[in-house]
Protein backbone atom coordinates (compact mmCIF):
# COMPACT_ATOMS: atom_id res chain seq x y z
CA MET A 1 -6.49 25.32 -13.14
CA ASN A 2 -9.12 25.03 -10.43
CA GLN A 3 -11.63 22.36 -11.40
CA SER A 4 -14.27 20.89 -9.18
CA ILE A 5 -14.38 17.11 -9.15
CA LEU A 6 -16.98 14.82 -7.65
CA PHE A 7 -15.45 11.49 -6.64
CA ASN A 8 -17.32 8.22 -6.99
CA ASP A 9 -17.07 5.56 -4.29
CA ASP A 10 -15.61 2.91 -6.60
CA LEU A 11 -11.98 2.56 -5.53
CA ILE A 12 -10.55 -0.71 -6.88
CA PHE A 13 -7.21 -2.22 -7.82
CA ASN A 14 -6.96 -2.41 -11.59
CA GLU A 15 -4.84 -5.43 -12.55
CA ALA A 16 -4.32 -4.29 -16.14
CA GLN A 17 -2.85 -0.93 -15.04
CA ASP A 18 -1.25 -2.41 -11.91
CA ALA A 19 -2.64 0.54 -9.93
CA TRP A 20 -5.45 1.59 -7.61
CA CYS A 21 -8.08 3.68 -9.35
CA PHE A 22 -11.42 5.36 -8.96
CA THR A 23 -13.63 7.55 -11.09
CA GLY A 24 -14.93 11.06 -10.76
CA LEU A 25 -16.95 13.67 -12.61
CA ILE A 26 -15.45 16.90 -13.89
CA SER A 27 -17.95 19.22 -15.59
CA GLY A 28 -20.14 16.20 -16.32
CA GLN A 29 -17.29 14.19 -17.84
CA LYS A 30 -16.45 10.84 -16.25
CA VAL A 31 -12.71 10.46 -15.65
CA THR A 32 -10.71 7.53 -14.32
CA ILE A 33 -7.80 8.31 -12.03
CA TYR A 34 -4.97 5.78 -11.64
CA PHE A 35 -2.48 5.98 -8.77
CA HIS A 36 0.87 4.39 -9.56
CA SER A 37 2.72 3.70 -6.32
CA ILE A 38 4.80 0.81 -5.06
CA GLU A 39 3.46 1.29 -1.51
CA LEU A 40 -0.19 1.44 -2.56
CA LYS A 41 0.22 -1.56 -4.85
CA GLN A 42 1.14 -3.71 -1.84
CA LEU A 43 -2.13 -2.95 -0.03
CA GLU A 44 -5.03 -5.39 -0.23
CA GLU A 45 -7.51 -2.64 0.60
CA ILE A 46 -7.44 1.10 1.15
CA ASN A 47 -9.04 2.67 4.22
CA SER A 48 -11.14 5.84 4.12
CA CYS A 49 -8.27 8.02 5.40
CA THR A 50 -6.01 6.98 2.53
CA LYS A 51 -8.90 7.39 0.09
CA TYR A 52 -9.36 11.00 1.20
CA ASP A 53 -5.61 11.52 0.74
CA LEU A 54 -5.90 10.20 -2.83
CA GLU A 55 -8.78 12.58 -3.48
CA GLU A 56 -6.67 15.49 -2.24
CA ILE A 57 -3.74 14.39 -4.41
CA THR A 58 -6.09 14.35 -7.39
CA GLU A 59 -7.35 17.85 -6.64
CA LEU A 60 -3.77 19.12 -6.39
CA TRP A 61 -2.90 17.39 -9.66
CA LEU A 62 -5.85 19.10 -11.36
CA GLU A 63 -4.70 22.50 -10.11
CA LYS A 64 -1.33 22.03 -11.81
CA ASN A 65 -2.28 20.05 -14.92
CA GLU A 66 -4.70 20.34 -17.79
CA LEU A 67 -7.18 17.48 -18.17
CA GLU A 68 -6.74 15.82 -21.56
CA GLY A 69 -9.12 12.98 -22.26
CA ASP A 70 -10.86 10.88 -19.66
CA VAL A 71 -7.90 9.21 -17.91
CA ILE A 72 -5.46 10.61 -15.36
CA HIS A 73 -2.29 8.76 -14.33
CA ILE A 74 -0.71 10.01 -11.12
CA ASN A 75 2.76 8.69 -10.34
CA MET A 76 3.46 8.74 -6.61
CA LYS A 77 6.80 8.14 -4.91
């Protein structure tokens, strides 16, 4: 599936999910994307280069997966 997503500039660490996350818009629907990664979890902040990598990972995820609901969990190794 090839969906266009607009990413918001709201990258934060979500304590409840124990993961970095940000939101985006897909066809007008707000979605929250969580990135589950041991390496990312250890970072106090994420630079713009890593943020762009996360955006690309999300786009690749959307190409291979169907969006169900308004939350995406991406497990990274």
